[in-house]
Amino acid sequence: MGQPSSRAGEQQELPPGQRLQRGWPVTHYGPVPKFKPERWEFRVFGATADSDKHCWDHEQFTSLPYETVVADLHCVAKFSMLGAEWGGVRARTVLELAPPAPDVTHVMVWAEYGFSSNLRLSDFASDKALFATHRAGELLTAEHGFPVRLVVPHLYAWKGPKWVRGIEYMTADRRGFWEERGYHNIGDPWREQRYSYQEEPGEGPEL
């Protein structure tokens, strides 16, 4: 585990309640899945523009345009990594290759073992949202989400699951795994949206 920085300039870059992290702690719920490339596929389904499911096997997915972004990672456990270099496939690339229907407002990100996280379409389509396969030029380790994890830098890190397997386009919002267990439906670290009891009207799914 790293130590918090005492440099005021770095502290000013942190969202409220966060501390600067040296190194990259391993945090996740449940076991690390075993990667089986011959059985792996990335799916886009739900309310697609053409009503079809779109799939890529591992070779096809890793052949999609590779881009890098430099972005922070803010964990709801109150540590932040600043200025990490991530490499992979932009979420916008997936949206272009498998467009959503016009009335799609949210996506559900599905990962191994049925883990899920919901996002507004605008957050998913943000400029730095990336399906990361690399960090600092190196392949992700299994513990950090290999072969694919979603990085959405402007939200808390639970909104970007490890071991992603697919995206569901939705015409109405519904809560994902942690959101059903008391975490905030949006998860903006700059507004310190950690827990569901902090939600204001309109920030959660309609009942």
C-alpha atoms as a PDB file:
ATOM      1  CA  MET A   1       0.000   0.000   0.000  1.00  0.00           C
ATOM      2  CA  GLY A   2       1.206   3.490  -0.774  1.00  0.00           C
ATOM      3  CA  GLN A   3       1.339   6.459   1.513  1.00  0.00           C
ATOM      4  CA  PRO A   4      -0.697   9.645   1.217  1.00  0.00           C
ATOM      5  CA  SER A   5       1.128  12.634  -0.197  1.00  0.00           C
ATOM      6  CA  SER A   6       1.566  15.774   1.872  1.00  0.00           C
ATOM      7  CA  ARG A   7       2.201  18.005  -1.138  1.00  0.00           C
ATOM      8  CA  ALA A   8      -0.529  20.625  -1.288  1.00  0.00           C
ATOM      9  CA  GLY A   9      -0.491  20.773  -5.086  1.00  0.00           C
ATOM     10  CA  GLU A  10      -1.335  17.096  -5.365  1.00  0.00           C
ATOM     11  CA  GLN A  11      -3.942  17.260  -2.636  1.00  0.00           C
ATOM     12  CA  GLN A  12      -5.780  19.920  -4.618  1.00  0.00           C
ATOM     13  CA  GLU A  13      -6.247  17.459  -7.471  1.00  0.00           C
ATOM     14  CA  LEU A  14      -8.070  14.985  -5.269  1.00  0.00           C
ATOM     15  CA  PRO A  15     -11.843  14.768  -4.857  1.00  0.00           C
ATOM     16  CA  PRO A  16     -13.128  15.399  -1.332  1.00  0.00           C
ATOM     17  CA  GLY A  17     -12.365  12.660   1.161  1.00  0.00           C
ATOM     18  CA  GLN A  18      -9.702  11.009  -1.029  1.00  0.00           C
ATOM     19  CA  ARG A  19      -5.998  10.390  -0.335  1.00  0.00           C
ATOM     20  CA  LEU A  20      -3.202   9.989  -2.850  1.00  0.00           C
ATOM     21  CA  GLN A  21      -2.188   6.368  -3.409  1.00  0.00           C
ATOM     22  CA  ARG A  22       1.308   5.204  -4.328  1.00  0.00           C
ATOM     23  CA  GLY A  23       1.050   1.907  -6.147  1.00  0.00           C
ATOM     24  CA  TRP A  24      -2.126   0.101  -7.123  1.00  0.00           C
ATOM     25  CA  PRO A  25      -3.966  -1.881  -4.439  1.00  0.00           C
ATOM     26  CA  VAL A  26      -5.979  -4.930  -5.459  1.00  0.00           C
ATOM     27  CA  THR A  27      -9.630  -4.530  -4.524  1.00  0.00           C
ATOM     28  CA  HIS A  28     -12.527  -6.623  -5.745  1.00  0.00           C
ATOM     29  CA  TYR A  29     -15.466  -8.728  -4.622  1.00  0.00           C
ATOM     30  CA  GLY A  30     -15.251 -12.494  -5.060  1.00  0.00           C
ATOM     31  CA  PRO A  31     -12.581 -14.677  -6.701  1.00  0.00           C
ATOM     32  CA  VAL A  32     -10.381 -13.820  -9.656  1.00  0.00           C
ATOM     33  CA  PRO A  33     -11.867 -15.563 -12.732  1.00  0.00           C
ATOM     34  CA  LYS A  34      -9.766 -17.833 -14.912  1.00  0.00           C
ATOM     35  CA  PHE A  35      -9.362 -16.501 -18.436  1.00  0.00           C
ATOM     36  CA  LYS A  36     -10.223 -19.016 -21.160  1.00  0.00           C
ATOM     37  CA  PRO A  37      -9.554 -17.292 -24.498  1.00  0.00           C
ATOM     38  CA  GLU A  38     -11.371 -19.908 -26.566  1.00  0.00           C
ATOM     39  CA  ARG A  39     -14.582 -19.273 -24.616  1.00  0.00           C
ATOM     40  CA  TRP A  40     -14.276 -15.524 -24.066  1.00  0.00           C
ATOM     41  CA  GLU A  41     -16.490 -13.095 -25.951  1.00  0.00           C
ATOM     42  CA  PHE A  42     -17.510  -9.472 -25.553  1.00  0.00           C
ATOM     43  CA  ARG A  43     -21.201  -8.884 -26.205  1.00  0.00           C
ATOM     44  CA  VAL A  44     -23.295  -5.786 -26.857  1.00  0.00           C
ATOM     45  CA  PHE A  45     -27.003  -6.477 -26.537  1.00  0.00           C
ATOM     46  CA  GLY A  46     -30.285  -5.006 -25.394  1.00  0.00           C
ATOM     47  CA  ALA A  47     -31.707  -1.986 -27.220  1.00  0.00           C
ATOM     48  CA  THR A  48     -29.255  -1.879 -30.127  1.00  0.00           C
ATOM     49  CA  ALA A  49     -30.066   0.237 -33.180  1.00  0.00           C
ATOM     50  CA  ASP A  50     -30.430  -2.845 -35.400  1.00  0.00           C
ATOM     51  CA  SER A  51     -32.048  -5.015 -32.677  1.00  0.00           C
ATOM     52  CA  ASP A  52     -29.212  -7.548 -33.049  1.00  0.00           C
ATOM     53  CA  LYS A  53     -26.587  -8.756 -30.594  1.00  0.00           C
ATOM     54  CA  HIS A  54     -22.988  -7.878 -31.479  1.00  0.00           C
ATOM     55  CA  CYS A  55     -20.097 -10.118 -30.388  1.00  0.00           C
ATOM     56  CA  TRP A  56     -16.325 -10.125 -30.582  1.00  0.00           C
ATOM     57  CA  ASP A  57     -14.068 -12.982 -29.534  1.00  0.00           C
ATOM     58  CA  HIS A  58     -10.836 -12.135 -27.738  1.00  0.00           C
ATOM     59  CA  GLU A  59      -8.742 -11.889 -30.901  1.00  0.00           C
ATOM     60  CA  GLN A  60     -11.325  -9.685 -32.587  1.00  0.00           C
ATOM     61  CA  PHE A  61     -11.729  -7.424 -29.585  1.00  0.00           C
ATOM     62  CA  THR A  62      -8.008  -6.886 -29.130  1.00  0.00           C
ATOM     63  CA  SER A  63      -7.777  -6.064 -32.859  1.00  0.00           C
ATOM     64  CA  LEU A  64     -10.091  -3.062 -32.426  1.00  0.00           C
ATOM     65  CA  PRO A  65      -8.416   0.378 -32.527  1.00  0.00           C
ATOM     66  CA  TYR A  66      -6.041   0.706 -29.584  1.00  0.00           C
ATOM     67  CA  GLU A  67      -5.824   4.068 -27.898  1.00  0.00           C
ATOM     68  CA  THR A  68      -4.301   5.430 -24.715  1.00  0.00           C
ATOM     69  CA  VAL A  69      -5.659   7.905 -22.208  1.00  0.00           C
ATOM     70  CA  VAL A  70      -4.039   9.436 -19.151  1.00  0.00           C
ATOM     71  CA  ALA A  71      -6.605   9.494 -16.388  1.00  0.00           C
ATOM     72  CA  ASP A  72      -7.097   9.195 -12.656  1.00  0.00           C
ATOM     73  CA  LEU A  73      -8.749   6.367 -10.749  1.00  0.00           C
ATOM     74  CA  HIS A  74     -10.773   7.215  -7.636  1.00  0.00           C
ATOM     75  CA  CYS A  75     -11.821   4.321  -5.397  1.00  0.00           C
ATOM     76  CA  VAL A  76     -14.773   4.694  -3.059  1.00  0.00           C
ATOM     77  CA  ALA A  77     -12.456   3.192  -0.392  1.00  0.00           C
ATOM     78  CA  LYS A  78     -10.939   6.723  -0.373  1.00  0.00           C
ATOM     79  CA  PHE A  79      -7.714   6.275  -2.319  1.00  0.00           C
ATOM     80  CA  SER A  80      -6.926   7.888  -5.665  1.00  0.00           C
ATOM     81  CA  MET A  81      -4.296   7.141  -8.325  1.00  0.00           C
ATOM     82  CA  LEU A  82      -3.426  10.194 -10.399  1.00  0.00           C
ATOM     83  CA  GLY A  83      -2.197  10.348 -13.966  1.00  0.00           C
ATOM     84  CA  ALA A  84      -2.232   6.645 -14.844  1.00  0.00           C
ATOM     85  CA  GLU A  85      -1.778   5.703 -18.501  1.00  0.00           C
ATOM     86  CA  TRP A  86      -4.443   3.290 -19.703  1.00  0.00           C
ATOM     87  CA  GLY A  87      -4.510   1.531 -23.069  1.00  0.00           C
ATOM     88  CA  GLY A  88      -7.348  -0.255 -24.777  1.00  0.00           C
ATOM     89  CA  VAL A  89     -10.561   0.326 -26.722  1.00  0.00           C
ATOM     90  CA  ARG A  90     -12.543   3.497 -26.173  1.00  0.00           C
ATOM     91  CA  ALA A  91     -16.167   3.056 -25.166  1.00  0.00           C
ATOM     92  CA  ARG A  92     -17.017   5.397 -28.032  1.00  0.00           C
ATOM     93  CA  THR A  93     -15.534   2.889 -30.463  1.00  0.00           C
ATOM     94  CA  VAL A  94     -17.931   0.228 -29.214  1.00  0.00           C
ATOM     95  CA  LEU A  95     -20.819   2.692 -29.505  1.00  0.00           C
ATOM     96  CA  GLU A  96     -19.846   3.389 -33.114  1.00  0.00           C
ATOM     97  CA  LEU A  97     -19.521  -0.286 -34.044  1.00  0.00           C
ATOM     98  CA  ALA A  98     -22.684  -1.349 -32.232  1.00  0.00           C
ATOM     99  CA  PRO A  99     -24.870   1.773 -32.009  1.00  0.00           C
ATOM    100  CA  PRO A 100     -27.624   2.021 -29.401  1.00  0.00           C
ATOM    101  CA  ALA A 101     -31.225   2.695 -30.313  1.00  0.00           C
ATOM    102  CA  PRO A 102     -32.244   6.376 -30.183  1.00  0.00           C
ATOM    103  CA  ASP A 103     -34.160   5.955 -26.918  1.00  0.00           C
ATOM    104  CA  VAL A 104     -31.276   4.372 -24.955  1.00  0.00           C
ATOM    105  CA  THR A 105     -30.466   6.378 -21.829  1.00  0.00           C
ATOM    106  CA  HIS A 106     -28.288   3.998 -19.794  1.00  0.00           C
ATOM    107  CA  VAL A 107     -26.033   0.989 -20.101  1.00  0.00           C
ATOM    108  CA  MET A 108     -25.436  -1.952 -17.798  1.00  0.00           C
ATOM    109  CA  VAL A 109     -21.855  -3.147 -17.779  1.00  0.00           C
ATOM    110  CA  TRP A 110     -21.755  -6.916 -17.245  1.00  0.00           C
ATOM    111  CA  ALA A 111     -18.703  -8.732 -15.925  1.00  0.00           C
ATOM    112  CA  GLU A 112     -17.732 -12.226 -14.798  1.00  0.00           C
ATOM    113  CA  TYR A 113     -19.897 -14.012 -12.197  1.00  0.00           C
ATOM    114  CA  GLY A 114     -22.888 -11.821 -13.112  1.00  0.00           C
ATOM    115  CA  PHE A 115     -21.380  -8.660 -11.615  1.00  0.00           C
ATOM    116  CA  SER A 116     -22.921  -5.493 -13.042  1.00  0.00           C
ATOM    117  CA  SER A 117     -22.731  -1.704 -12.870  1.00  0.00           C
ATOM    118  CA  ASN A 118     -25.152   0.802 -14.392  1.00  0.00           C
ATOM    119  CA  LEU A 119     -24.079   4.021 -16.105  1.00  0.00           C
ATOM    120  CA  ARG A 120     -25.801   6.896 -17.805  1.00  0.00           C
ATOM    121  CA  LEU A 121     -25.142   6.725 -21.537  1.00  0.00           C
ATOM    122  CA  SER A 122     -23.490  10.154 -21.358  1.00  0.00           C
ATOM    123  CA  ASP A 123     -20.982   8.852 -18.792  1.00  0.00           C
ATOM    124  CA  PHE A 124     -20.272   5.730 -20.832  1.00  0.00           C
ATOM    125  CA  ALA A 125     -19.736   7.846 -23.964  1.00  0.00           C
ATOM    126  CA  SER A 126     -17.377  10.285 -22.245  1.00  0.00           C
ATOM    127  CA  ASP A 127     -14.069  11.069 -23.924  1.00  0.00           C
ATOM    128  CA  LYS A 128     -11.841   9.078 -21.538  1.00  0.00           C
ATOM    129  CA  ALA A 129     -14.080   6.072 -20.895  1.00  0.00           C
ATOM    130  CA  LEU A 130     -11.991   3.103 -21.995  1.00  0.00           C
ATOM    131  CA  PHE A 131     -12.110  -0.684 -22.022  1.00  0.00           C
ATOM    132  CA  ALA A 132      -8.612  -1.029 -20.658  1.00  0.00           C
ATOM    133  CA  THR A 133      -6.382  -3.965 -21.549  1.00  0.00           C
ATOM    134  CA  HIS A 134      -3.114  -2.277 -20.485  1.00  0.00           C
ATOM    135  CA  ARG A 135      -1.770   0.065 -17.851  1.00  0.00           C
ATOM    136  CA  ALA A 136       1.541   1.902 -18.321  1.00  0.00           C
ATOM    137  CA  GLY A 137       2.089  -0.098 -21.512  1.00  0.00           C
ATOM    138  CA  GLU A 138       1.809  -3.472 -19.781  1.00  0.00           C
ATOM    139  CA  LEU A 139      -1.031  -5.977 -19.969  1.00  0.00           C
ATOM    140  CA  LEU A 140      -3.316  -5.866 -16.970  1.00  0.00           C
ATOM    141  CA  THR A 141      -2.769  -8.616 -14.441  1.00  0.00           C
ATOM    142  CA  ALA A 142      -5.609 -10.986 -13.657  1.00  0.00           C
ATOM    143  CA  GLU A 143      -6.030  -9.358 -10.237  1.00  0.00           C
ATOM    144  CA  HIS A 144      -6.457  -5.958 -11.873  1.00  0.00           C
ATOM    145  CA  GLY A 145      -9.025  -7.095 -14.415  1.00  0.00           C
ATOM    146  CA  PHE A 146      -7.312  -8.887 -17.316  1.00  0.00           C
ATOM    147  CA  PRO A 147      -8.367  -9.254 -20.057  1.00  0.00           C
ATOM    148  CA  VAL A 148     -10.639  -6.162 -19.961  1.00  0.00           C
ATOM    149  CA  ARG A 149     -11.746  -3.671 -17.356  1.00  0.00           C
ATOM    150  CA  LEU A 150     -13.752  -0.504 -17.874  1.00  0.00           C
ATOM    151  CA  VAL A 151     -12.184   2.779 -16.768  1.00  0.00           C
ATOM    152  CA  VAL A 152     -14.518   5.772 -16.339  1.00  0.00           C
ATOM    153  CA  PRO A 153     -12.190   8.308 -14.710  1.00  0.00           C
ATOM    154  CA  HIS A 154     -14.759  10.919 -13.688  1.00  0.00           C
ATOM    155  CA  LEU A 155     -16.730   8.380 -11.604  1.00  0.00           C
ATOM    156  CA  TYR A 156     -15.779   6.185  -8.651  1.00  0.00           C
ATOM    157  CA  ALA A 157     -13.935   3.071  -9.771  1.00  0.00           C
ATOM    158  CA  TRP A 158     -16.731   0.609  -8.936  1.00  0.00           C
ATOM    159  CA  LYS A 159     -18.528   2.073 -11.962  1.00  0.00           C
ATOM    160  CA  GLY A 160     -15.763   0.554 -14.097  1.00  0.00           C
ATOM    161  CA  PRO A 161     -15.840  -3.186 -13.363  1.00  0.00           C
ATOM    162  CA  LYS A 162     -12.998  -5.635 -13.877  1.00  0.00           C
ATOM    163  CA  TRP A 163     -13.347  -8.673 -16.152  1.00  0.00           C
ATOM    164  CA  VAL A 164     -15.978  -7.071 -18.385  1.00  0.00           C
ATOM    165  CA  ARG A 165     -17.867  -9.383 -20.721  1.00  0.00           C
ATOM    166  CA  GLY A 166     -20.578  -7.199 -22.192  1.00  0.00           C
ATOM    167  CA  ILE A 167     -22.692  -4.093 -22.387  1.00  0.00           C
ATOM    168  CA  GLU A 168     -26.475  -3.972 -22.254  1.00  0.00           C
ATOM    169  CA  TYR A 169     -28.193  -0.930 -23.757  1.00  0.00           C
ATOM    170  CA  MET A 170     -31.187   0.150 -21.687  1.00  0.00           C
ATOM    171  CA  THR A 171     -34.078   2.538 -22.282  1.00  0.00           C
ATOM    172  CA  ALA A 172     -34.590   2.984 -18.526  1.00  0.00           C
ATOM    173  CA  ASP A 173     -32.204   2.921 -15.600  1.00  0.00           C
ATOM    174  CA  ARG A 174     -31.858   0.094 -13.112  1.00  0.00           C
ATOM    175  CA  ARG A 175     -29.309  -0.498 -10.385  1.00  0.00           C
ATOM    176  CA  GLY A 176     -26.281  -2.730 -10.731  1.00  0.00           C
ATOM    177  CA  PHE A 177     -24.595  -4.975  -8.153  1.00  0.00           C
ATOM    178  CA  TRP A 178     -23.188  -2.355  -5.757  1.00  0.00           C
ATOM    179  CA  GLU A 179     -25.979   0.104  -6.425  1.00  0.00           C
ATOM    180  CA  GLU A 180     -28.461  -2.505  -5.166  1.00  0.00           C
ATOM    181  CA  ARG A 181     -26.327  -2.811  -2.026  1.00  0.00           C
ATOM    182  CA  GLY A 182     -26.407   0.784  -0.942  1.00  0.00           C
ATOM    183  CA  TYR A 183     -23.955   2.605  -3.200  1.00  0.00           C
ATOM    184  CA  HIS A 184     -24.861   5.786  -5.047  1.00  0.00           C
ATOM    185  CA  ASN A 185     -26.529   5.361  -8.405  1.00  0.00           C
ATOM    186  CA  ILE A 186     -24.261   7.880 -10.157  1.00  0.00           C
ATOM    187  CA  GLY A 187     -21.007   7.848  -8.170  1.00  0.00           C
ATOM    188  CA  ASP A 188     -19.405  11.244  -8.892  1.00  0.00           C
ATOM    189  CA  PRO A 189     -16.310  11.534  -6.644  1.00  0.00           C
ATOM    190  CA  TRP A 190     -16.176  15.326  -6.939  1.00  0.00           C
ATOM    191  CA  ARG A 191     -19.646  15.477  -5.390  1.00  0.00           C
ATOM    192  CA  GLU A 192     -18.680  12.624  -3.009  1.00  0.00           C
ATOM    193  CA  GLN A 193     -21.640  10.530  -4.135  1.00  0.00           C
ATOM    194  CA  ARG A 194     -20.728   7.389  -2.217  1.00  0.00           C
ATOM    195  CA  TYR A 195     -24.022   5.996  -0.868  1.00  0.00           C
ATOM    196  CA  SER A 196     -27.618   5.711  -1.995  1.00  0.00           C
ATOM    197  CA  TYR A 197     -28.963   7.675   0.966  1.00  0.00           C
ATOM    198  CA  GLN A 198     -27.208  10.717  -0.544  1.00  0.00           C
ATOM    199  CA  GLU A 199     -29.224  10.510  -3.756  1.00  0.00           C
ATOM    200  CA  GLU A 200     -31.312  13.489  -4.703  1.00  0.00           C
ATOM    201  CA  PRO A 201     -34.559  13.290  -6.707  1.00  0.00           C
ATOM    202  CA  GLY A 202     -33.844  12.136 -10.250  1.00  0.00           C
ATOM    203  CA  GLU A 203     -30.498  10.506  -9.437  1.00  0.00           C
ATOM    204  CA  GLY A 204     -31.900   7.006  -9.057  1.00  0.00           C
ATOM    205  CA  PRO A 205     -34.133   4.760 -11.167  1.00  0.00           C
ATOM    206  CA  GLU A 206     -37.841   5.508 -11.143  1.00  0.00           C
ATOM    207  CA  LEU A 207     -39.670   3.178  -8.795  1.00  0.00           C
END
